[in-house]
């Protein structure tokens, strides 16, 4: 079994930045979800509600990032311009983050049609992974890394009445797999230089019903509805993929073998 895809999401809920190799830190893949767009009160924005987020792609430069919109517009964001600290919120957890300049926030506000702000995690995250004491977390929902299997996707495709791709599920790591959903039984896996511990199954929401071409939510709530009928956790919530917590830092690459430790 091997790694077939590696994805970063530099700004939470925006387009994937696909790479051939990545450096893994305690808080996840380097450059993954280190930024997020928020309401003016610091509450995170998500593509569950704001489809416009999917029109944004992010590219690294030496001094910061460039945000590109599908319309062709671009905005340069510099690390040195993040000077103001304010409280942010992701799913009820509150923590400090750095706020972008008025110029950057104005550009984004015009894009979204209301006042919004760009936040940066900064040099050190103020968040922690639940049940993993003192383990830092980025702006990700709950865990540092997500892994999904092509074999599991094949099974969901057979069930689903609508066409779907892996991109809907927004994985960090994709593996080819041997059997559908075998990853849910893993406890520890070695990929490249990094040992990962499984922290949870990935529960799913209506975000997976958003068509990546039209950006519209499926009127029949698919494939969420099918997944809820066919594959759930013990609480009846639809699941696809697993969450991982890195136990050390190191490099992972496309083609790396996935070794099941337990």
C-alpha atoms as a PDB file:
ATOM      1  CA  UNK A   1       0.000   0.000   0.000  1.00  0.00           C
ATOM      2  CA  UNK A   2       1.361   3.431  -0.891  1.00  0.00           C
ATOM      3  CA  UNK A   3       0.674   7.171  -0.827  1.00  0.00           C
ATOM      4  CA  UNK A   4      -0.950   8.400  -4.047  1.00  0.00           C
ATOM      5  CA  UNK A   5      -1.808  12.006  -3.182  1.00  0.00           C
ATOM      6  CA  UNK A   6      -0.728  14.749  -0.756  1.00  0.00           C
ATOM      7  CA  UNK A   7      -2.829  17.886  -0.259  1.00  0.00           C
ATOM      8  CA  UNK A   8      -2.406  21.070   1.731  1.00  0.00           C
ATOM      9  CA  UNK A   9      -5.149  23.636   2.356  1.00  0.00           C
ATOM     10  CA  UNK A  10      -3.145  26.774   3.251  1.00  0.00           C
ATOM     11  CA  UNK A  11      -6.309  28.774   4.001  1.00  0.00           C
ATOM     12  CA  UNK A  12      -8.964  26.710   5.746  1.00  0.00           C
ATOM     13  CA  UNK A  13     -11.829  25.668   3.427  1.00  0.00           C
ATOM     14  CA  UNK A  14     -10.135  26.921   0.235  1.00  0.00           C
ATOM     15  CA  UNK A  15      -8.764  25.017  -2.762  1.00  0.00           C
ATOM     16  CA  UNK A  16      -6.206  22.261  -2.288  1.00  0.00           C
ATOM     17  CA  UNK A  17      -2.507  22.872  -2.930  1.00  0.00           C
ATOM     18  CA  UNK A  18      -1.234  19.526  -4.200  1.00  0.00           C
ATOM     19  CA  UNK A  19       2.388  18.554  -3.482  1.00  0.00           C
ATOM     20  CA  UNK A  20       4.732  15.629  -4.105  1.00  0.00           C
ATOM     21  CA  UNK A  21       6.304  15.767  -0.651  1.00  0.00           C
ATOM     22  CA  UNK A  22       5.596  17.485   2.638  1.00  0.00           C
ATOM     23  CA  UNK A  23       7.306  18.111   5.944  1.00  0.00           C
ATOM     24  CA  UNK A  24       5.152  16.932   8.830  1.00  0.00           C
ATOM     25  CA  UNK A  25       5.191  18.863  12.102  1.00  0.00           C
ATOM     26  CA  UNK A  26       3.354  18.186  15.354  1.00  0.00           C
ATOM     27  CA  UNK A  27       0.423  20.317  14.160  1.00  0.00           C
ATOM     28  CA  UNK A  28       0.214  18.572  10.787  1.00  0.00           C
ATOM     29  CA  UNK A  29       1.624  19.034   7.301  1.00  0.00           C
ATOM     30  CA  UNK A  30       3.656  22.211   7.030  1.00  0.00           C
ATOM     31  CA  UNK A  31       1.636  25.032   5.393  1.00  0.00           C
ATOM     32  CA  UNK A  32      -1.679  23.226   5.964  1.00  0.00           C
ATOM     33  CA  UNK A  33      -4.485  25.406   7.394  1.00  0.00           C
ATOM     34  CA  UNK A  34      -2.099  28.004   8.777  1.00  0.00           C
ATOM     35  CA  UNK A  35      -4.512  30.736   7.641  1.00  0.00           C
ATOM     36  CA  UNK A  36      -8.267  31.100   7.833  1.00  0.00           C
ATOM     37  CA  UNK A  37     -10.873  33.648   6.820  1.00  0.00           C
ATOM     38  CA  UNK A  38     -13.185  34.764   9.612  1.00  0.00           C
ATOM     39  CA  UNK A  39     -16.095  37.009  10.391  1.00  0.00           C
ATOM     40  CA  UNK A  40     -15.039  40.297  12.014  1.00  0.00           C
ATOM     41  CA  UNK A  41     -15.617  38.757  15.462  1.00  0.00           C
ATOM     42  CA  UNK A  42     -13.062  36.026  14.715  1.00  0.00           C
ATOM     43  CA  UNK A  43     -15.478  33.157  14.062  1.00  0.00           C
ATOM     44  CA  UNK A  44     -14.212  30.854  11.333  1.00  0.00           C
ATOM     45  CA  UNK A  45     -15.847  30.721   7.919  1.00  0.00           C
ATOM     46  CA  UNK A  46     -16.441  27.416   6.166  1.00  0.00           C
ATOM     47  CA  UNK A  47     -17.381  26.240   2.678  1.00  0.00           C
ATOM     48  CA  UNK A  48     -20.330  24.496   4.319  1.00  0.00           C
ATOM     49  CA  UNK A  49     -21.991  27.918   4.025  1.00  0.00           C
ATOM     50  CA  UNK A  50     -19.636  30.106   1.958  1.00  0.00           C
ATOM     51  CA  UNK A  51     -19.057  28.456  -1.429  1.00  0.00           C
ATOM     52  CA  UNK A  52     -16.921  31.462  -2.451  1.00  0.00           C
ATOM     53  CA  UNK A  53     -14.070  29.974  -0.408  1.00  0.00           C
ATOM     54  CA  UNK A  54     -13.644  27.301  -3.081  1.00  0.00           C
ATOM     55  CA  UNK A  55     -12.846  30.033  -5.616  1.00  0.00           C
ATOM     56  CA  UNK A  56      -9.666  30.895  -3.701  1.00  0.00           C
ATOM     57  CA  UNK A  57      -6.292  29.195  -4.147  1.00  0.00           C
ATOM     58  CA  UNK A  58      -3.138  29.982  -2.188  1.00  0.00           C
ATOM     59  CA  UNK A  59       0.505  29.882  -3.266  1.00  0.00           C
ATOM     60  CA  UNK A  60       3.549  30.327  -1.015  1.00  0.00           C
ATOM     61  CA  UNK A  61       6.198  32.978  -1.601  1.00  0.00           C
ATOM     62  CA  UNK A  62       9.307  33.653   0.505  1.00  0.00           C
ATOM     63  CA  UNK A  63       7.698  36.519   2.412  1.00  0.00           C
ATOM     64  CA  UNK A  64       4.115  35.264   2.688  1.00  0.00           C
ATOM     65  CA  UNK A  65       1.383  34.028   0.355  1.00  0.00           C
ATOM     66  CA  UNK A  66      -0.459  35.026  -2.796  1.00  0.00           C
ATOM     67  CA  UNK A  67      -4.229  34.478  -2.803  1.00  0.00           C
ATOM     68  CA  UNK A  68      -5.624  33.860  -6.289  1.00  0.00           C
ATOM     69  CA  UNK A  69      -9.307  34.065  -7.198  1.00  0.00           C
ATOM     70  CA  UNK A  70     -10.772  32.122 -10.120  1.00  0.00           C
ATOM     71  CA  UNK A  71     -11.671  35.505 -11.688  1.00  0.00           C
ATOM     72  CA  UNK A  72      -7.953  36.206 -12.083  1.00  0.00           C
ATOM     73  CA  UNK A  73      -7.663  38.702  -9.234  1.00  0.00           C
ATOM     74  CA  UNK A  74      -4.754  38.304  -6.840  1.00  0.00           C
ATOM     75  CA  UNK A  75      -3.798  39.569  -3.399  1.00  0.00           C
ATOM     76  CA  UNK A  76      -0.296  39.528  -1.892  1.00  0.00           C
ATOM     77  CA  UNK A  77      -0.188  38.843   1.855  1.00  0.00           C
ATOM     78  CA  UNK A  78       3.035  39.354   3.822  1.00  0.00           C
ATOM     79  CA  UNK A  79       3.837  37.650   7.118  1.00  0.00           C
ATOM     80  CA  UNK A  80       5.371  40.868   8.457  1.00  0.00           C
ATOM     81  CA  UNK A  81       2.045  42.686   8.137  1.00  0.00           C
ATOM     82  CA  UNK A  82       0.295  40.488  10.713  1.00  0.00           C
ATOM     83  CA  UNK A  83       0.741  42.697  13.774  1.00  0.00           C
ATOM     84  CA  UNK A  84      -2.648  42.764  15.502  1.00  0.00           C
ATOM     85  CA  UNK A  85      -3.653  39.921  17.848  1.00  0.00           C
ATOM     86  CA  UNK A  86      -7.335  39.091  18.327  1.00  0.00           C
ATOM     87  CA  UNK A  87      -9.415  36.176  19.576  1.00  0.00           C
ATOM     88  CA  UNK A  88     -10.520  33.585  16.998  1.00  0.00           C
ATOM     89  CA  UNK A  89     -12.997  30.734  17.180  1.00  0.00           C
ATOM     90  CA  UNK A  90     -13.170  27.303  15.566  1.00  0.00           C
ATOM     91  CA  UNK A  91     -16.083  25.097  16.672  1.00  0.00           C
ATOM     92  CA  UNK A  92     -16.412  26.702  20.069  1.00  0.00           C
ATOM     93  CA  UNK A  93     -12.713  26.797  20.934  1.00  0.00           C
ATOM     94  CA  UNK A  94     -11.329  30.313  21.420  1.00  0.00           C
ATOM     95  CA  UNK A  95      -7.679  31.258  20.953  1.00  0.00           C
ATOM     96  CA  UNK A  96      -5.465  34.122  19.801  1.00  0.00           C
ATOM     97  CA  UNK A  97      -4.471  34.626  16.172  1.00  0.00           C
ATOM     98  CA  UNK A  98      -2.946  37.408  14.073  1.00  0.00           C
ATOM     99  CA  UNK A  99      -5.125  39.637  11.861  1.00  0.00           C
ATOM    100  CA  UNK A 100      -4.152  40.769   8.348  1.00  0.00           C
ATOM    101  CA  UNK A 101      -3.929  44.400   7.243  1.00  0.00           C
ATOM    102  CA  UNK A 102      -6.943  46.531   6.373  1.00  0.00           C
ATOM    103  CA  UNK A 103      -5.962  46.363   2.682  1.00  0.00           C
ATOM    104  CA  UNK A 104      -5.960  42.557   2.602  1.00  0.00           C
ATOM    105  CA  UNK A 105      -9.198  42.364   4.555  1.00  0.00           C
ATOM    106  CA  UNK A 106     -10.814  44.911   2.230  1.00  0.00           C
ATOM    107  CA  UNK A 107      -9.886  42.793  -0.805  1.00  0.00           C
ATOM    108  CA  UNK A 108     -11.425  39.715   0.793  1.00  0.00           C
ATOM    109  CA  UNK A 109     -14.486  41.643   1.988  1.00  0.00           C
ATOM    110  CA  UNK A 110     -15.200  42.793  -1.568  1.00  0.00           C
ATOM    111  CA  UNK A 111     -14.881  39.168  -2.708  1.00  0.00           C
ATOM    112  CA  UNK A 112     -17.371  37.893  -0.118  1.00  0.00           C
ATOM    113  CA  UNK A 113     -19.722  40.879  -0.196  1.00  0.00           C
ATOM    114  CA  UNK A 114     -19.423  41.513   3.541  1.00  0.00           C
ATOM    115  CA  UNK A 115     -16.730  42.403   6.043  1.00  0.00           C
ATOM    116  CA  UNK A 116     -14.383  39.502   6.695  1.00  0.00           C
ATOM    117  CA  UNK A 117     -10.807  39.100   7.930  1.00  0.00           C
ATOM    118  CA  UNK A 118      -7.798  36.912   7.185  1.00  0.00           C
ATOM    119  CA  UNK A 119      -6.113  35.345  10.203  1.00  0.00           C
ATOM    120  CA  UNK A 120      -2.675  33.724  10.537  1.00  0.00           C
ATOM    121  CA  UNK A 121      -1.746  31.103  13.093  1.00  0.00           C
ATOM    122  CA  UNK A 122       1.616  32.763  13.756  1.00  0.00           C
ATOM    123  CA  UNK A 123       4.824  31.087  14.838  1.00  0.00           C
ATOM    124  CA  UNK A 124       3.182  28.997  17.560  1.00  0.00           C
ATOM    125  CA  UNK A 125      -0.348  27.630  17.652  1.00  0.00           C
ATOM    126  CA  UNK A 126      -2.532  28.441  20.650  1.00  0.00           C
ATOM    127  CA  UNK A 127      -4.702  25.340  20.072  1.00  0.00           C
ATOM    128  CA  UNK A 128      -4.361  21.729  21.213  1.00  0.00           C
ATOM    129  CA  UNK A 129      -5.701  18.406  19.928  1.00  0.00           C
ATOM    130  CA  UNK A 130      -8.428  17.001  22.179  1.00  0.00           C
ATOM    131  CA  UNK A 131      -7.223  13.923  24.123  1.00  0.00           C
ATOM    132  CA  UNK A 132      -3.615  14.574  23.059  1.00  0.00           C
ATOM    133  CA  UNK A 133      -2.299  16.817  25.802  1.00  0.00           C
ATOM    134  CA  UNK A 134      -0.030  19.675  24.700  1.00  0.00           C
ATOM    135  CA  UNK A 135      -0.191  18.554  21.062  1.00  0.00           C
ATOM    136  CA  UNK A 136      -0.546  21.696  18.880  1.00  0.00           C
ATOM    137  CA  UNK A 137      -3.246  22.109  16.253  1.00  0.00           C
ATOM    138  CA  UNK A 138      -3.586  24.408  13.248  1.00  0.00           C
ATOM    139  CA  UNK A 139      -6.872  26.000  12.118  1.00  0.00           C
ATOM    140  CA  UNK A 140      -8.097  22.486  11.182  1.00  0.00           C
ATOM    141  CA  UNK A 141     -11.444  21.491  12.675  1.00  0.00           C
ATOM    142  CA  UNK A 142     -10.215  18.968  15.221  1.00  0.00           C
ATOM    143  CA  UNK A 143      -7.110  16.998  14.227  1.00  0.00           C
ATOM    144  CA  UNK A 144      -3.757  17.591  12.501  1.00  0.00           C
ATOM    145  CA  UNK A 145      -3.945  15.178   9.535  1.00  0.00           C
ATOM    146  CA  UNK A 146      -6.615  13.310   7.555  1.00  0.00           C
ATOM    147  CA  UNK A 147      -6.035  10.129   5.547  1.00  0.00           C
ATOM    148  CA  UNK A 148      -8.376   8.522   3.022  1.00  0.00           C
ATOM    149  CA  UNK A 149      -8.268   5.466   0.796  1.00  0.00           C
ATOM    150  CA  UNK A 150      -9.016   5.069  -2.894  1.00  0.00           C
ATOM    151  CA  UNK A 151     -10.506   1.635  -2.169  1.00  0.00           C
ATOM    152  CA  UNK A 152     -12.954   3.195   0.284  1.00  0.00           C
ATOM    153  CA  UNK A 153     -13.878   5.842  -2.274  1.00  0.00           C
ATOM    154  CA  UNK A 154     -14.596   3.128  -4.859  1.00  0.00           C
ATOM    155  CA  UNK A 155     -17.120   1.614  -2.446  1.00  0.00           C
ATOM    156  CA  UNK A 156     -18.814   4.968  -1.768  1.00  0.00           C
ATOM    157  CA  UNK A 157     -18.961   5.626  -5.515  1.00  0.00           C
ATOM    158  CA  UNK A 158     -20.834   2.341  -5.981  1.00  0.00           C
ATOM    159  CA  UNK A 159     -23.357   3.397  -3.344  1.00  0.00           C
ATOM    160  CA  UNK A 160     -23.750   7.029  -4.370  1.00  0.00           C
ATOM    161  CA  UNK A 161     -26.445   8.132  -6.861  1.00  0.00           C
ATOM    162  CA  UNK A 162     -24.274  11.144  -7.831  1.00  0.00           C
ATOM    163  CA  UNK A 163     -20.774  11.271  -9.271  1.00  0.00           C
ATOM    164  CA  UNK A 164     -18.135  12.068  -6.657  1.00  0.00           C
ATOM    165  CA  UNK A 165     -14.372  12.443  -6.480  1.00  0.00           C
ATOM    166  CA  UNK A 166     -11.880  12.293  -3.636  1.00  0.00           C
ATOM    167  CA  UNK A 167     -11.595  16.101  -3.713  1.00  0.00           C
ATOM    168  CA  UNK A 168     -15.003  16.436  -2.049  1.00  0.00           C
ATOM    169  CA  UNK A 169     -13.607  14.842   1.108  1.00  0.00           C
ATOM    170  CA  UNK A 170     -10.543  17.138   1.314  1.00  0.00           C
ATOM    171  CA  UNK A 171      -7.890  14.625   2.430  1.00  0.00           C
ATOM    172  CA  UNK A 172      -4.317  15.474   3.363  1.00  0.00           C
ATOM    173  CA  UNK A 173      -3.032  11.980   2.566  1.00  0.00           C
ATOM    174  CA  UNK A 174      -4.544   9.572   0.042  1.00  0.00           C
ATOM    175  CA  UNK A 175      -3.455   5.925  -0.141  1.00  0.00           C
ATOM    176  CA  UNK A 176      -4.411   3.311  -2.729  1.00  0.00           C
ATOM    177  CA  UNK A 177      -5.538   0.766  -0.131  1.00  0.00           C
ATOM    178  CA  UNK A 178      -6.290  -2.936  -0.315  1.00  0.00           C
ATOM    179  CA  UNK A 179      -9.848  -3.166   1.022  1.00  0.00           C
ATOM    180  CA  UNK A 180     -12.619  -0.601   1.596  1.00  0.00           C
ATOM    181  CA  UNK A 181     -12.521   1.034   5.033  1.00  0.00           C
ATOM    182  CA  UNK A 182      -9.584  -1.056   6.294  1.00  0.00           C
ATOM    183  CA  UNK A 183      -7.981   2.193   7.502  1.00  0.00           C
ATOM    184  CA  UNK A 184     -10.625   2.478  10.217  1.00  0.00           C
ATOM    185  CA  UNK A 185      -9.042  -0.491  12.003  1.00  0.00           C
ATOM    186  CA  UNK A 186      -5.534   0.965  12.101  1.00  0.00           C
ATOM    187  CA  UNK A 187      -4.106   2.318  15.340  1.00  0.00           C
ATOM    188  CA  UNK A 188      -0.605   3.339  14.250  1.00  0.00           C
ATOM    189  CA  UNK A 189       0.899   3.706  10.775  1.00  0.00           C
ATOM    190  CA  UNK A 190       4.353   4.605   9.504  1.00  0.00           C
ATOM    191  CA  UNK A 191       4.526   6.743   6.364  1.00  0.00           C
ATOM    192  CA  UNK A 192       7.967   7.839   5.228  1.00  0.00           C
ATOM    193  CA  UNK A 193       9.802   9.238   8.227  1.00  0.00           C
ATOM    194  CA  UNK A 194       6.670   9.793  10.324  1.00  0.00           C
ATOM    195  CA  UNK A 195       4.785   7.594  12.766  1.00  0.00           C
ATOM    196  CA  UNK A 196       1.093   8.513  13.050  1.00  0.00           C
ATOM    197  CA  UNK A 197      -1.476   7.551  15.682  1.00  0.00           C
ATOM    198  CA  UNK A 198      -5.137   7.332  14.699  1.00  0.00           C
ATOM    199  CA  UNK A 199      -7.142   9.767  16.816  1.00  0.00           C
ATOM    200  CA  UNK A 200     -10.647   9.384  15.356  1.00  0.00           C
ATOM    201  CA  UNK A 201     -12.734   8.510  12.311  1.00  0.00           C
ATOM    202  CA  UNK A 202     -13.592  11.440  10.027  1.00  0.00           C
ATOM    203  CA  UNK A 203     -17.255  12.267  10.575  1.00  0.00           C
ATOM    204  CA  UNK A 204     -18.883  13.972   7.613  1.00  0.00           C
ATOM    205  CA  UNK A 205     -21.189  16.947   7.102  1.00  0.00           C
ATOM    206  CA  UNK A 206     -23.070  18.572   4.213  1.00  0.00           C
ATOM    207  CA  UNK A 207     -19.817  20.036   2.889  1.00  0.00           C
ATOM    208  CA  UNK A 208     -19.327  16.824   0.880  1.00  0.00           C
ATOM    209  CA  UNK A 209     -22.570  17.556  -1.005  1.00  0.00           C
ATOM    210  CA  UNK A 210     -21.094  20.650  -2.684  1.00  0.00           C
ATOM    211  CA  UNK A 211     -20.456  20.098  -6.395  1.00  0.00           C
ATOM    212  CA  UNK A 212     -16.898  21.238  -7.080  1.00  0.00           C
ATOM    213  CA  UNK A 213     -17.785  22.462 -10.576  1.00  0.00           C
ATOM    214  CA  UNK A 214     -21.008  24.380  -9.930  1.00  0.00           C
ATOM    215  CA  UNK A 215     -20.280  24.968  -6.212  1.00  0.00           C
ATOM    216  CA  UNK A 216     -23.939  24.227  -5.519  1.00  0.00           C
ATOM    217  CA  UNK A 217     -25.110  21.940  -2.707  1.00  0.00           C
ATOM    218  CA  UNK A 218     -26.788  18.782  -3.955  1.00  0.00           C
ATOM    219  CA  UNK A 219     -30.583  19.199  -3.622  1.00  0.00           C
ATOM    220  CA  UNK A 220     -30.897  15.579  -2.460  1.00  0.00           C
ATOM    221  CA  UNK A 221     -28.040  15.975   0.062  1.00  0.00           C
ATOM    222  CA  UNK A 222     -25.886  13.389  -1.708  1.00  0.00           C
ATOM    223  CA  UNK A 223     -23.548  11.677  -1.046  1.00  0.00           C
ATOM    224  CA  UNK A 224     -24.090  12.629   2.622  1.00  0.00           C
ATOM    225  CA  UNK A 225     -27.482  10.918   2.742  1.00  0.00           C
ATOM    226  CA  UNK A 226     -26.171   7.678   1.228  1.00  0.00           C
ATOM    227  CA  UNK A 227     -23.143   7.630   3.524  1.00  0.00           C
ATOM    228  CA  UNK A 228     -25.425   8.122   6.509  1.00  0.00           C
ATOM    229  CA  UNK A 229     -27.423   5.085   5.425  1.00  0.00           C
ATOM    230  CA  UNK A 230     -24.490   2.858   4.507  1.00  0.00           C
ATOM    231  CA  UNK A 231     -21.471   3.724   6.649  1.00  0.00           C
ATOM    232  CA  UNK A 232     -21.608   5.340  10.084  1.00  0.00           C
ATOM    233  CA  UNK A 233     -19.894   5.320  13.451  1.00  0.00           C
ATOM    234  CA  UNK A 234     -21.454   3.988  16.648  1.00  0.00           C
ATOM    235  CA  UNK A 235     -23.369   7.262  17.061  1.00  0.00           C
ATOM    236  CA  UNK A 236     -24.926   7.013  13.619  1.00  0.00           C
ATOM    237  CA  UNK A 237     -22.811   9.759  12.068  1.00  0.00           C
ATOM    238  CA  UNK A 238     -21.528   9.208   8.496  1.00  0.00           C
ATOM    239  CA  UNK A 239     -17.785   8.584   8.351  1.00  0.00           C
ATOM    240  CA  UNK A 240     -15.155   8.522   5.627  1.00  0.00           C
ATOM    241  CA  UNK A 241     -11.418   8.497   6.324  1.00  0.00           C
ATOM    242  CA  UNK A 242      -9.434   8.744   9.545  1.00  0.00           C
ATOM    243  CA  UNK A 243      -7.759  11.481  11.564  1.00  0.00           C
ATOM    244  CA  UNK A 244      -4.087  11.109  12.449  1.00  0.00           C
ATOM    245  CA  UNK A 245      -1.775  12.708  15.002  1.00  0.00           C
ATOM    246  CA  UNK A 246       1.964  12.773  14.138  1.00  0.00           C
ATOM    247  CA  UNK A 247       4.257  11.324  16.795  1.00  0.00           C
ATOM    248  CA  UNK A 248       7.390  12.890  15.313  1.00  0.00           C
ATOM    249  CA  UNK A 249       8.399  15.308  12.570  1.00  0.00           C
ATOM    250  CA  UNK A 250       9.746  14.242   9.198  1.00  0.00           C
ATOM    251  CA  UNK A 251       9.181  14.027   5.448  1.00  0.00           C
ATOM    252  CA  UNK A 252       6.453  12.086   3.644  1.00  0.00           C
ATOM    253  CA  UNK A 253       6.368  11.666  -0.127  1.00  0.00           C
ATOM    254  CA  UNK A 254       4.203  10.373  -2.951  1.00  0.00           C
ATOM    255  CA  UNK A 255       4.924   6.672  -3.366  1.00  0.00           C
ATOM    256  CA  UNK A 256       5.861   6.126   0.293  1.00  0.00           C
ATOM    257  CA  UNK A 257       4.837   2.729   1.606  1.00  0.00           C
ATOM    258  CA  UNK A 258       2.185   2.691   4.329  1.00  0.00           C
ATOM    259  CA  UNK A 259       3.253   0.328   7.095  1.00  0.00           C
ATOM    260  CA  UNK A 260       0.573  -0.762   9.572  1.00  0.00           C
ATOM    261  CA  UNK A 261       2.188  -0.881  13.028  1.00  0.00           C
ATOM    262  CA  UNK A 262      -0.943  -1.815  14.970  1.00  0.00           C
END
